[in-house]
Each structure stands twice: as structure tokens, then as C-alpha cells.
């Protein structure tokens, strides 16, 4: 059967179905039980029912018929129209939401711009103030050490750290923009804190303002840590930790026999403590720490081992080294005792009596029921006093060098003794003193008290106002 025949047959079936539906609708309408007087109304209802049935059938026929091209086209147009309307509505919703989002984004962006502008403005104002030294009005002089290898950032940080500029970042930028950072030579500079950037740079570039050598004085009684700090602060060494490490090494054993003779002791903090001879020295800026230490040791060697001294009781001049050998004591023992004498004595004369107390306690203390040196100066090493101990360890700190509970000498020296203390240690006064103290005398002047017995010592403590 051809497609045309199938279509004709389908249309005939649809028409037949439509006729049957209309006939059935008419039969139902006239079959109702109504009064005779209402025939007109019956006819109208029947007619109306037929029209509604016809409309319903027509609609059904339009929907279900695939042969009615105009109906199908109308349906497609209506569907497309509805879809377009739906899309337009969705677009309106999106536009509304987009408008709201744009407003939020605009407000957020505006706030961000305002905040960034405020920060940038403050940043720039701060930079310009520092550039022209607006807030650095007080004139002070600070020491700036430019080491070998320092770049613009290093120099800027050092200036900021000493208060010569307020911002290392801005000053480093200034050096980079002007290209003058590479023109600053290593050396020590005394810079005023009220200079603007250009003034600071011009000062650092002037070689007449640069020191290439530094003269420093180290006083008797300074310990290794204090010496290292002074060297670092003055620009002699840029690596304090390396200096301290060398002070506890065997680096110098080969060149100095008195260092090589030091016995190993695990409780000794710094092998070279006591040997950095106190004196006035001239150093180069940022010199090798090993060279710096050699300067101290050379001086010790010259003063203790080579220089002959006139000493009471000796007919001829003699070196400290030879005197130590005659007393059957090592250089290290002499330096150890001398460091305690340096820390305890009130003056040079007092040193010889303090040295005698130490000698008597070491050699004859047991006969007096005395077994320790009991020296205050040894209690807190490597710190000079209780207050210098860091707070986080102060309450639990115990020094291996203290001589109240430990017998004999400490593991090593506690400071750098001068020549007078060393001489007193190797040649003390001959006394029977086992005790001493210092305090104010009857005239109010500083006085040293010595005693042979504990009873006498207690009386001295009362006289000195120490109990």
C-alpha cells in the first residue's frame, strides 16, 4: 500500500470517528428526562452540547492529527513563541541579577581602591619623610661598619639598625635608583642621624670619612665574650660567633706552646680565656678573626714569656714563664689564679694578699678545715654577675666554675688578667691569711680585711658592714 493510500485511509477513519462522537453526543442530550415545556431549553442544550463536543473533537483532532500541516505549524509557532517568551523572561532575570552583581562588584572595587590608595599614600608619605629626614631632627652620631662584600641592602639594614635612616627598603631603593651603592668602600663611618638620604650617601662616599684601621683598648678583667662583643661592635670582626669558636679550638696550638700545653677539660668553656692579653691594639676593619686572636696571643707571649721583670726577692730580672717553672706551676695554672685575683682584688697591692689567700687554701686549706676557694668572682661565669644571666635560665643556672662547692681551681680562667695580677699569682705575699673581704673602713674609705681564722673573718665582716 502506498503512503498516499495509507494517509487517505487514516483520514477516513478519523472522519468516521468524528461522526460517531457527534451522534453519541446528540443521543445523550436528547435522552435526558426533562419537562415538555422545556423543549426549547433541551434543544439549546443539545445544540450547545454538540458544539462543545465538536470543538473538543476538533481540538483533539488538531492535536492528534499528523496530516493537518497548518495545525502542526501553528503548534510549532506557539511553542517557539512560548520558548522565546521564556528565554526573554530568563534573560530579564539574568540582567537583573547581573545588574545587582555589578553594583556589588563596583562597590567592592571602589572600597578596595580607596583602601589601597590610603595605604599607598601613607607608604609614600613615610618614604618621603625618611628621604628628607623630616622626623629625624635630633643630631646624634652612630657608628656604621661597612664590611667587605656588603651590598646596598646590607648597608641600608645597618643604617636602619643604628637609626641613621628609618626605612632600609626606601634607602636601598634610593641607592639602586641613584647607582651610588657600589661607590661606598668598606670601613668604619661615624654618621649623623639627622641627615637626609643624599647627605648620608655623600658622607659614606667620601673616603676622608672612612676609617680602615681601628684602635681599641681592652681592660683587665674582661672575658672572652665581652672582648668578642667589643670587636664586633667596633667593626673589627663581622662574625662574633666565629671568633668565639676559634677561642675554644686547637687552631693556635702549633704556634703557641703555652696554648698547646693546656690540658683538655670538658667543662672548660673557652680554651683561650685568660690569654687575650688586655692592652691597646690597632686592627683592620673586618679583619680575619684568626688574625685578631693572634694579635692578643702574640702580646701575651711577649709580655709573659719573653719580657724579663724586676721582682722583689730576685737579684736579676726574670720572666713570668721562668718564675712559673721555678714554682712548679704551669702557665695555665698561673693564668687561672691570676684571673681570680683580677676579679677579687681592690687594687694592685691587694692582689698579692689575695693571691696568698688562694695559695694558702690550695696548699694548706685542709689543715684549717677549708676545702674550697670560696671566691665570689667565680660564681656566675661566663657571666660577670647574677643580673647578666638570661632570665629564662637565671633560676636554674649553675656554673661549673663556682668555687664554693667545688674543690680546687675552676676548669679555666674566668677573665683576662693583667700583668700585675699574673705577677701576683706567680709571686704572692707570704702570709697565713685564709680569709679576706672588702668594705668601708672607719673613715668611710674602701678597705681590705684579711684574717687567719674564721672567727677573725667574722669580726672583719661586721667591721666592713657585710653581715
Protein backbone atom coordinates (compact mmCIF):
# COMPACT_ATOMS: atom_id res chain seq x y z
CA UNK A 1 0.00 0.00 0.00
CA UNK A 2 1.37 3.37 -0.95
CA UNK A 3 1.88 6.24 1.50
CA UNK A 4 -0.96 8.17 -0.16
CA UNK A 5 -3.40 5.29 0.33
CA UNK A 6 -2.37 4.95 3.99
CA UNK A 7 -2.94 8.64 4.54
CA UNK A 8 -6.38 8.56 2.87
CA UNK A 9 -7.42 5.56 4.92
CA UNK A 10 -6.27 7.27 8.12
CA UNK A 11 -8.25 10.41 7.24
CA UNK A 12 -11.42 8.39 6.53
CA UNK A 13 -11.08 6.67 9.90
CA UNK A 14 -10.71 10.00 11.63
CA UNK A 15 -13.79 11.40 9.90
CA UNK A 16 -15.84 8.33 10.79
CA UNK A 17 -14.74 8.57 14.40
CA UNK A 18 -15.71 12.22 14.48
CA UNK A 19 -19.24 11.43 13.13
CA UNK A 20 -19.79 8.74 15.69
CA UNK A 21 -18.75 11.05 18.53
CA UNK A 22 -21.16 13.75 17.35
CA UNK A 23 -24.03 11.28 17.05
CA UNK A 24 -23.37 9.89 20.51
CA UNK A 25 -23.27 13.40 21.98
CA UNK A 26 -26.63 14.21 20.36
CA UNK A 27 -28.18 10.95 21.57
CA UNK A 28 -27.12 11.65 25.14
CA UNK A 29 -28.53 15.14 25.08
CA UNK A 30 -31.98 14.20 23.84
CA UNK A 31 -32.20 11.21 26.14
CA UNK A 32 -32.45 13.33 29.33
CA UNK A 33 -35.68 13.28 31.32
CA UNK A 34 -36.97 16.88 31.09
CA UNK A 35 -40.47 18.52 31.07
CA UNK A 36 -42.24 19.11 27.78
CA UNK A 37 -42.30 22.81 28.40
CA UNK A 38 -38.55 22.84 28.39
CA UNK A 39 -38.20 21.52 24.86
CA UNK A 40 -36.59 24.73 23.76
CA UNK A 41 -34.04 24.54 26.53
CA UNK A 42 -33.44 20.88 25.73
CA UNK A 43 -32.87 21.79 22.09
CA UNK A 44 -30.45 24.57 23.10
CA UNK A 45 -28.56 22.33 25.47
CA UNK A 46 -28.39 19.65 22.88
CA UNK A 47 -27.20 22.11 20.29
CA UNK A 48 -24.69 23.56 22.76
CA UNK A 49 -23.51 20.08 23.69
CA UNK A 50 -22.99 19.23 20.04
CA UNK A 51 -20.97 22.40 19.57
CA UNK A 52 -18.81 21.69 22.63
CA UNK A 53 -18.32 18.09 21.53
CA UNK A 54 -17.47 19.30 18.05
CA UNK A 55 -14.96 21.82 19.43
CA UNK A 56 -13.48 19.19 21.68
CA UNK A 57 -13.26 16.73 18.77
CA UNK A 58 -11.77 19.43 16.56
CA UNK A 59 -9.16 20.23 19.19
CA UNK A 60 -8.41 16.58 19.72
CA UNK A 61 -8.31 16.05 16.04
CA UNK A 62 -5.94 19.01 15.63
CA UNK A 63 -3.62 17.76 18.32
CA UNK A 64 -3.56 14.15 17.28
CA UNK A 65 -3.63 14.61 13.56
CA UNK A 66 -0.29 14.47 11.85
CA UNK A 67 -1.77 15.16 8.49
CA UNK A 68 -3.02 18.69 9.29
CA UNK A 69 0.04 20.73 8.30
CA UNK A 70 -1.46 24.10 9.23
CA UNK A 71 -2.31 22.88 12.75
CA UNK A 72 1.12 21.41 13.27
CA UNK A 73 2.74 24.60 12.03
CA UNK A 74 0.57 26.63 14.39
CA UNK A 75 1.58 24.43 17.29
CA UNK A 76 5.24 24.82 16.39
CA UNK A 77 4.82 28.60 16.14
CA UNK A 78 3.09 28.70 19.50
CA UNK A 79 5.83 26.54 21.06
CA UNK A 80 8.57 28.73 19.63
CA UNK A 81 6.74 31.81 20.79
CA UNK A 82 6.41 30.38 24.31
CA UNK A 83 10.07 29.36 24.29
CA UNK A 84 11.11 32.84 23.17
CA UNK A 85 8.97 34.35 25.87
CA UNK A 86 10.57 32.04 28.43
CA UNK A 87 14.04 32.96 27.19
CA UNK A 88 13.18 36.65 27.34
CA UNK A 89 11.99 36.22 30.91
CA UNK A 90 15.14 34.30 31.87
CA UNK A 91 17.23 36.99 30.22
CA UNK A 92 15.44 39.68 32.21
CA UNK A 93 16.13 37.73 35.42
CA UNK A 94 19.78 37.36 34.46
CA UNK A 95 20.02 41.03 33.62
CA UNK A 96 18.52 41.95 36.98
CA UNK A 97 20.92 39.65 38.81
CA UNK A 98 23.83 40.86 36.69
CA UNK A 99 22.92 44.45 37.45
CA UNK A 100 22.85 43.72 41.15
CA UNK A 101 26.19 41.87 40.96
CA UNK A 102 27.75 44.71 39.00
CA UNK A 103 26.68 47.13 41.68
CA UNK A 104 28.20 44.92 44.39
CA UNK A 105 31.40 44.50 42.38
CA UNK A 106 31.61 48.23 41.74
CA UNK A 107 31.20 48.99 45.46
CA UNK A 108 33.76 46.34 46.44
CA UNK A 109 36.22 47.57 43.82
CA UNK A 110 35.73 51.16 44.94
CA UNK A 111 36.38 50.23 48.57
CA UNK A 112 39.49 48.27 47.55
CA UNK A 113 40.79 51.19 45.54
CA UNK A 114 40.18 53.56 48.45
CA UNK A 115 41.96 51.25 50.91
CA UNK A 116 44.90 50.67 48.59
CA UNK A 117 45.14 54.36 47.86
CA UNK A 118 45.20 55.17 51.57
CA UNK A 119 47.88 52.55 52.23
CA UNK A 120 49.92 53.70 49.26
CA UNK A 121 49.58 57.31 50.31
CA UNK A 122 50.76 56.53 53.82
CA UNK A 123 53.56 54.42 52.38
CA UNK A 124 54.71 57.21 50.09
CA UNK A 125 54.44 59.86 52.80
CA UNK A 126 56.54 57.71 55.10
CA UNK A 127 59.11 57.25 52.35
CA UNK A 128 59.32 60.95 51.55
CA UNK A 129 59.60 61.82 55.24
CA UNK A 130 62.52 59.44 55.56
CA UNK A 131 64.06 60.65 52.30
CA UNK A 132 64.19 64.23 53.61
CA UNK A 133 64.79 63.31 57.29
CA UNK A 134 61.59 65.06 58.35
CA UNK A 135 61.24 63.16 61.62
CA UNK A 136 64.96 62.59 62.30
CA UNK A 137 65.65 66.00 63.81
CA UNK A 138 67.90 65.04 66.74
CA UNK A 139 71.57 65.08 65.86
CA UNK A 140 73.34 62.01 67.15
CA UNK A 141 76.36 60.17 65.81
CA UNK A 142 76.25 56.43 65.23
CA UNK A 143 78.97 54.04 64.08
CA UNK A 144 78.28 52.27 60.80
CA UNK A 145 80.58 49.46 59.71
CA UNK A 146 80.63 48.66 56.01
CA UNK A 147 82.20 45.26 55.58
CA UNK A 148 83.83 43.72 52.53
CA UNK A 149 81.10 42.30 50.30
CA UNK A 150 78.26 44.45 51.68
CA UNK A 151 75.71 45.38 49.01
CA UNK A 152 73.10 48.14 49.04
CA UNK A 153 70.65 46.08 51.09
CA UNK A 154 73.30 45.27 53.72
CA UNK A 155 74.32 48.92 54.07
CA UNK A 156 70.68 50.01 54.29
CA UNK A 157 69.92 47.49 57.03
CA UNK A 158 72.94 48.63 59.05
CA UNK A 159 71.87 52.26 58.74
CA UNK A 160 68.32 51.40 59.79
CA UNK A 161 69.59 49.32 62.72
CA UNK A 162 71.57 52.26 64.05
CA UNK A 163 68.80 54.82 63.42
CA UNK A 164 70.59 56.71 60.63
CA UNK A 165 67.57 56.04 58.37
CA UNK A 166 64.04 54.91 59.19
CA UNK A 167 63.47 52.52 56.29
CA UNK A 168 66.10 50.17 54.92
CA UNK A 169 63.80 49.39 51.98
CA UNK A 170 63.45 53.02 50.86
CA UNK A 171 67.14 53.72 51.33
CA UNK A 172 68.09 50.61 49.36
CA UNK A 173 65.72 51.74 46.58
CA UNK A 174 67.36 55.16 46.66
CA UNK A 175 70.82 53.61 46.28
CA UNK A 176 69.55 51.48 43.41
CA UNK A 177 67.96 54.42 41.59
CA UNK A 178 70.98 56.68 42.03
CA UNK A 179 73.51 53.91 41.36
CA UNK A 180 75.70 55.09 44.24
CA UNK A 181 75.59 51.98 46.40
CA UNK A 182 78.64 50.46 44.70
CA UNK A 183 80.70 53.57 45.44
CA UNK A 184 80.74 53.02 49.23
CA UNK A 185 84.02 51.49 50.40
CA UNK A 186 84.43 49.12 53.37
CA UNK A 187 85.33 50.93 56.57
CA UNK A 188 84.01 52.50 59.74
CA UNK A 189 81.87 55.63 59.46
CA UNK A 190 80.50 57.99 62.10
CA UNK A 191 77.16 59.04 60.62
CA UNK A 192 74.83 61.75 61.95
CA UNK A 193 71.24 60.62 62.39
CA UNK A 194 69.65 63.87 61.11
CA UNK A 195 70.97 63.66 57.55
CA UNK A 196 68.68 63.13 54.56
CA UNK A 197 69.34 60.30 52.12
CA UNK A 198 71.56 62.35 49.85
CA UNK A 199 73.55 63.60 52.83
CA UNK A 200 74.06 60.07 54.14
CA UNK A 201 75.17 58.77 50.73
CA UNK A 202 77.56 61.65 50.12
CA UNK A 203 79.07 61.17 53.58
CA UNK A 204 79.61 57.45 53.01
CA UNK A 205 81.16 58.06 49.59
CA UNK A 206 83.74 60.47 51.00
CA UNK A 207 86.89 58.45 51.69
CA UNK A 208 88.03 61.09 54.18
CA UNK A 209 85.22 59.95 56.46
CA UNK A 210 86.30 56.31 56.30
CA UNK A 211 88.43 54.55 58.86
CA UNK A 212 90.34 51.50 57.62
CA UNK A 213 92.03 50.76 60.94
CA UNK A 214 90.54 50.78 64.42
CA UNK A 215 92.32 51.33 67.72
CA UNK A 216 90.72 49.61 70.71
CA UNK A 217 91.63 49.29 74.37
CA UNK A 218 90.76 46.17 76.34
CA UNK A 219 90.86 46.48 80.09
CA UNK A 220 91.91 43.92 82.68
CA UNK A 221 89.15 41.62 83.83
CA UNK A 222 87.24 41.42 80.51
CA UNK A 223 86.26 37.91 79.50
CA UNK A 224 86.20 36.33 76.04
CA UNK A 225 82.53 37.13 75.41
CA UNK A 226 82.96 40.80 76.33
CA UNK A 227 86.04 41.07 74.12
CA UNK A 228 84.17 39.48 71.21
CA UNK A 229 81.30 41.94 71.61
CA UNK A 230 83.65 44.94 71.62
CA UNK A 231 85.39 43.68 68.49
CA UNK A 232 82.06 43.15 66.76
CA UNK A 233 80.55 46.49 67.79
CA UNK A 234 83.62 48.40 66.60
CA UNK A 235 83.77 46.65 63.21
CA UNK A 236 86.96 44.66 63.70
CA UNK A 237 85.09 41.41 63.15
CA UNK A 238 81.81 40.84 61.35
CA UNK A 239 81.44 37.31 62.71
CA UNK A 240 81.35 37.21 66.50
CA UNK A 241 80.42 33.53 66.62
CA UNK A 242 83.43 32.55 64.51
CA UNK A 243 85.65 34.49 66.89
CA UNK A 244 84.24 32.63 69.91
CA UNK A 245 84.56 29.28 68.16
CA UNK A 246 88.22 29.95 67.48
CA UNK A 247 88.69 30.81 71.16
CA UNK A 248 87.70 27.24 72.02
CA UNK A 249 89.68 25.49 69.29
CA UNK A 250 93.13 23.99 68.77
CA UNK A 251 93.79 26.38 65.90
CA UNK A 252 96.70 28.06 67.71
CA UNK A 253 98.39 25.10 69.38
CA UNK A 254 101.08 24.82 66.74
CA UNK A 255 102.18 28.46 67.01
CA UNK A 256 102.00 28.93 70.79
CA UNK A 257 103.42 26.32 73.16
CA UNK A 258 101.61 27.77 76.21
CA UNK A 259 98.30 27.13 74.39
CA UNK A 260 99.31 23.63 73.32
CA UNK A 261 100.16 22.80 76.96
CA UNK A 262 96.62 23.46 78.17
CA UNK A 263 95.07 20.22 79.42
CA UNK A 264 91.75 19.15 77.97
CA UNK A 265 88.80 19.67 80.27
CA UNK A 266 85.22 19.08 79.02
CA UNK A 267 83.91 21.66 81.49
CA UNK A 268 86.16 24.41 80.17
CA UNK A 269 84.07 26.85 78.16
CA UNK A 270 86.78 28.73 76.26
CA UNK A 271 90.27 27.37 75.88
CA UNK A 272 91.74 30.83 75.25
CA UNK A 273 90.04 32.52 78.21
CA UNK A 274 92.72 34.42 80.11
CA UNK A 275 95.14 34.55 77.19
CA UNK A 276 93.66 37.50 75.27
CA UNK A 277 96.06 39.89 76.91
CA UNK A 278 94.44 43.21 77.93
CA UNK A 279 96.10 46.11 76.14
CA UNK A 280 95.58 48.71 73.39
CA UNK A 281 95.57 47.29 69.86
CA UNK A 282 95.20 48.51 66.29
CA UNK A 283 93.12 46.36 63.98
CA UNK A 284 91.94 46.46 60.38
CA UNK A 285 88.25 46.82 59.66
CA UNK A 286 86.58 43.42 59.29
CA UNK A 287 89.83 41.52 59.57
CA UNK A 288 90.16 37.75 59.82
CA UNK A 289 89.20 36.66 63.38
CA UNK A 290 92.21 34.33 63.46
CA UNK A 291 94.47 37.33 62.82
CA UNK A 292 92.75 39.26 65.60
CA UNK A 293 93.29 36.45 68.09
CA UNK A 294 96.92 36.14 67.02
CA UNK A 295 97.45 39.78 67.96
CA UNK A 296 96.30 39.02 71.52
CA UNK A 297 98.38 35.83 71.79
CA UNK A 298 101.49 37.48 70.37
CA UNK A 299 101.21 40.15 73.05
CA UNK A 300 100.72 37.53 75.78
CA UNK A 301 103.77 35.63 74.51
CA UNK A 302 105.86 38.77 74.51
CA UNK A 303 104.74 40.01 77.94
CA UNK A 304 104.68 36.69 79.84
CA UNK A 305 107.24 34.53 78.10
CA UNK A 306 109.81 36.96 76.70
CA UNK A 307 109.82 40.07 78.90
CA UNK A 308 112.08 39.94 81.94
CA UNK A 309 110.77 41.70 85.04
CA UNK A 310 112.37 43.03 88.20
CA UNK A 311 110.66 41.22 91.07
CA UNK A 312 111.18 41.52 94.82
CA UNK A 313 113.34 38.70 96.16
CA UNK A 314 115.16 38.15 92.88
CA UNK A 315 118.61 39.51 92.17
CA UNK A 316 118.12 39.50 88.44
CA UNK A 317 115.30 40.06 86.03
CA UNK A 318 113.16 37.04 85.30
CA UNK A 319 110.24 36.20 83.00
CA UNK A 320 106.86 35.11 84.28
CA UNK A 321 107.31 31.84 82.40
CA UNK A 322 110.60 31.10 84.17
CA UNK A 323 109.13 32.08 87.53
CA UNK A 324 106.22 29.70 86.95
CA UNK A 325 108.62 26.88 86.14
CA UNK A 326 110.54 27.51 89.39
CA UNK A 327 107.32 27.32 91.39
CA UNK A 328 106.43 24.05 89.70
CA UNK A 329 103.27 25.57 88.22
CA UNK A 330 102.08 25.59 84.64
CA UNK A 331 101.35 28.80 82.74
CA UNK A 332 97.70 27.76 82.67
CA UNK A 333 97.54 27.42 86.48
CA UNK A 334 99.15 30.85 86.84
CA UNK A 335 96.65 32.41 84.42
CA UNK A 336 93.76 30.68 86.22
CA UNK A 337 94.80 32.04 89.63
CA UNK A 338 95.61 35.46 88.16
CA UNK A 339 92.09 35.72 86.67
CA UNK A 340 90.58 35.17 90.14
CA UNK A 341 92.99 37.68 91.66
CA UNK A 342 91.96 40.16 88.96
CA UNK A 343 88.30 39.63 89.80
CA UNK A 344 88.72 39.83 93.60
CA UNK A 345 91.41 42.40 94.39
CA UNK A 346 90.61 46.04 95.04
CA UNK A 347 93.99 47.34 93.82
CA UNK A 348 97.48 46.21 92.83
CA UNK A 349 98.71 45.99 96.43
CA UNK A 350 95.68 43.93 97.36
CA UNK A 351 96.45 41.46 94.58
CA UNK A 352 99.47 39.98 96.38
CA UNK A 353 97.48 39.29 99.57
CA UNK A 354 94.51 37.85 97.66
CA UNK A 355 96.97 35.63 95.78
CA UNK A 356 98.39 34.48 99.12
CA UNK A 357 94.90 33.50 100.36
CA UNK A 358 94.38 31.41 97.21
CA UNK A 359 97.80 29.78 97.59
CA UNK A 360 97.24 29.03 101.29
CA UNK A 361 93.83 27.47 100.67
CA UNK A 362 95.11 25.32 97.84
CA UNK A 363 98.18 24.11 99.73
CA UNK A 364 97.16 24.16 103.41
CA UNK A 365 93.40 24.60 103.47
CA UNK A 366 92.65 21.07 104.71
CA UNK A 367 94.60 21.77 107.92
CA UNK A 368 92.15 24.62 108.62
CA UNK A 369 89.15 22.54 107.57
CA UNK A 370 88.93 24.61 104.38
CA UNK A 371 88.48 22.63 101.16
CA UNK A 372 87.29 25.19 98.62
CA UNK A 373 88.44 28.60 97.44
CA UNK A 374 85.03 30.20 98.03
CA UNK A 375 85.58 33.12 95.60
CA UNK A 376 82.61 35.28 94.61
CA UNK A 377 84.11 36.11 91.21
CA UNK A 378 83.74 32.51 90.02
CA UNK A 379 80.05 32.02 90.82
CA UNK A 380 78.40 33.14 87.58
CA UNK A 381 81.00 32.60 84.85
CA UNK A 382 80.74 33.11 81.91
CA UNK A 383 78.55 35.96 83.20
CA UNK A 384 80.01 38.75 85.30
CA UNK A 385 77.09 38.92 87.70
CA UNK A 386 73.78 37.29 88.56
CA UNK A 387 71.87 40.05 86.76
CA UNK A 388 73.66 39.29 83.49
CA UNK A 389 72.40 35.70 83.44
CA UNK A 390 69.49 35.41 80.93
CA UNK A 391 66.17 35.43 82.75
CA UNK A 392 65.00 32.15 81.25
CA UNK A 393 67.90 30.24 82.89
CA UNK A 394 68.63 32.50 85.85
CA UNK A 395 66.76 30.48 88.47
CA UNK A 396 68.33 27.16 87.46
CA UNK A 397 71.78 28.38 86.39
CA UNK A 398 74.78 26.56 87.85
CA UNK A 399 78.33 27.39 86.82
CA UNK A 400 80.97 24.68 86.59
CA UNK A 401 83.44 27.39 87.59
CA UNK A 402 81.98 28.25 91.02
CA UNK A 403 84.39 27.61 93.90
CA UNK A 404 82.07 27.41 96.91
CA UNK A 405 81.11 23.78 96.42
CA UNK A 406 83.85 22.63 94.04
CA UNK A 407 87.36 21.96 95.31
CA UNK A 408 90.50 23.32 93.68
CA UNK A 409 90.76 25.72 90.78
CA UNK A 410 87.95 26.24 88.24
CA UNK A 411 88.17 24.42 84.88
CA UNK A 412 89.84 27.51 83.40
CA UNK A 413 90.39 31.23 83.79
CA UNK A 414 87.37 33.47 84.30
CA UNK A 415 88.75 36.62 82.60
CA UNK A 416 91.85 38.17 81.04
CA UNK A 417 94.21 39.14 83.89
CA UNK A 418 96.70 41.96 83.52
CA UNK A 419 100.43 41.69 84.12
CA UNK A 420 100.12 42.81 87.77
CA UNK A 421 97.61 40.05 88.55
CA UNK A 422 99.76 37.48 86.75
CA UNK A 423 102.85 38.62 88.67
CA UNK A 424 100.96 38.44 91.98
CA UNK A 425 99.69 34.96 91.14
CA UNK A 426 103.18 33.61 90.49
CA UNK A 427 104.84 35.56 93.35
CA UNK A 428 102.27 36.17 96.13
CA UNK A 429 102.98 37.65 99.56
CA UNK A 430 103.97 35.15 102.20
CA UNK A 431 101.08 35.20 104.73
CA UNK A 432 98.92 32.96 106.86
CA UNK A 433 95.74 34.51 105.55
CA UNK A 434 92.88 32.20 104.68
CA UNK A 435 90.11 34.81 104.52
CA UNK A 436 89.58 38.30 103.11
CA UNK A 437 86.78 40.73 102.43
CA UNK A 438 86.31 44.31 101.28
CA UNK A 439 84.21 47.06 102.71
CA UNK A 440 84.19 50.56 104.10
CA UNK A 441 86.63 51.30 106.91
CA UNK A 442 86.10 53.55 109.90
CA UNK A 443 86.99 56.55 107.75
CA UNK A 444 84.49 55.55 105.09
CA UNK A 445 87.20 54.64 102.59
CA UNK A 446 87.30 51.29 100.80
CA UNK A 447 89.31 48.87 102.92
CA UNK A 448 90.58 45.32 102.56
CA UNK A 449 90.32 42.97 105.55
CA UNK A 450 92.36 39.80 105.98
CA UNK A 451 92.08 37.06 108.55
CA UNK A 452 93.85 33.87 109.55
CA UNK A 453 90.87 32.28 111.29
CA UNK A 454 87.13 32.11 110.74
CA UNK A 455 86.49 33.98 113.99
CA UNK A 456 88.67 36.87 112.85
CA UNK A 457 86.96 36.82 109.48
CA UNK A 458 83.51 37.11 111.06
CA UNK A 459 84.73 40.13 113.02
CA UNK A 460 86.04 41.65 109.78
CA UNK A 461 82.70 41.11 108.07
CA UNK A 462 80.99 43.02 110.86
CA UNK A 463 83.55 45.84 110.65
CA UNK A 464 83.06 46.01 106.87
CA UNK A 465 79.29 46.13 107.27
CA UNK A 466 78.80 42.87 105.39
CA UNK A 467 76.68 40.98 107.96
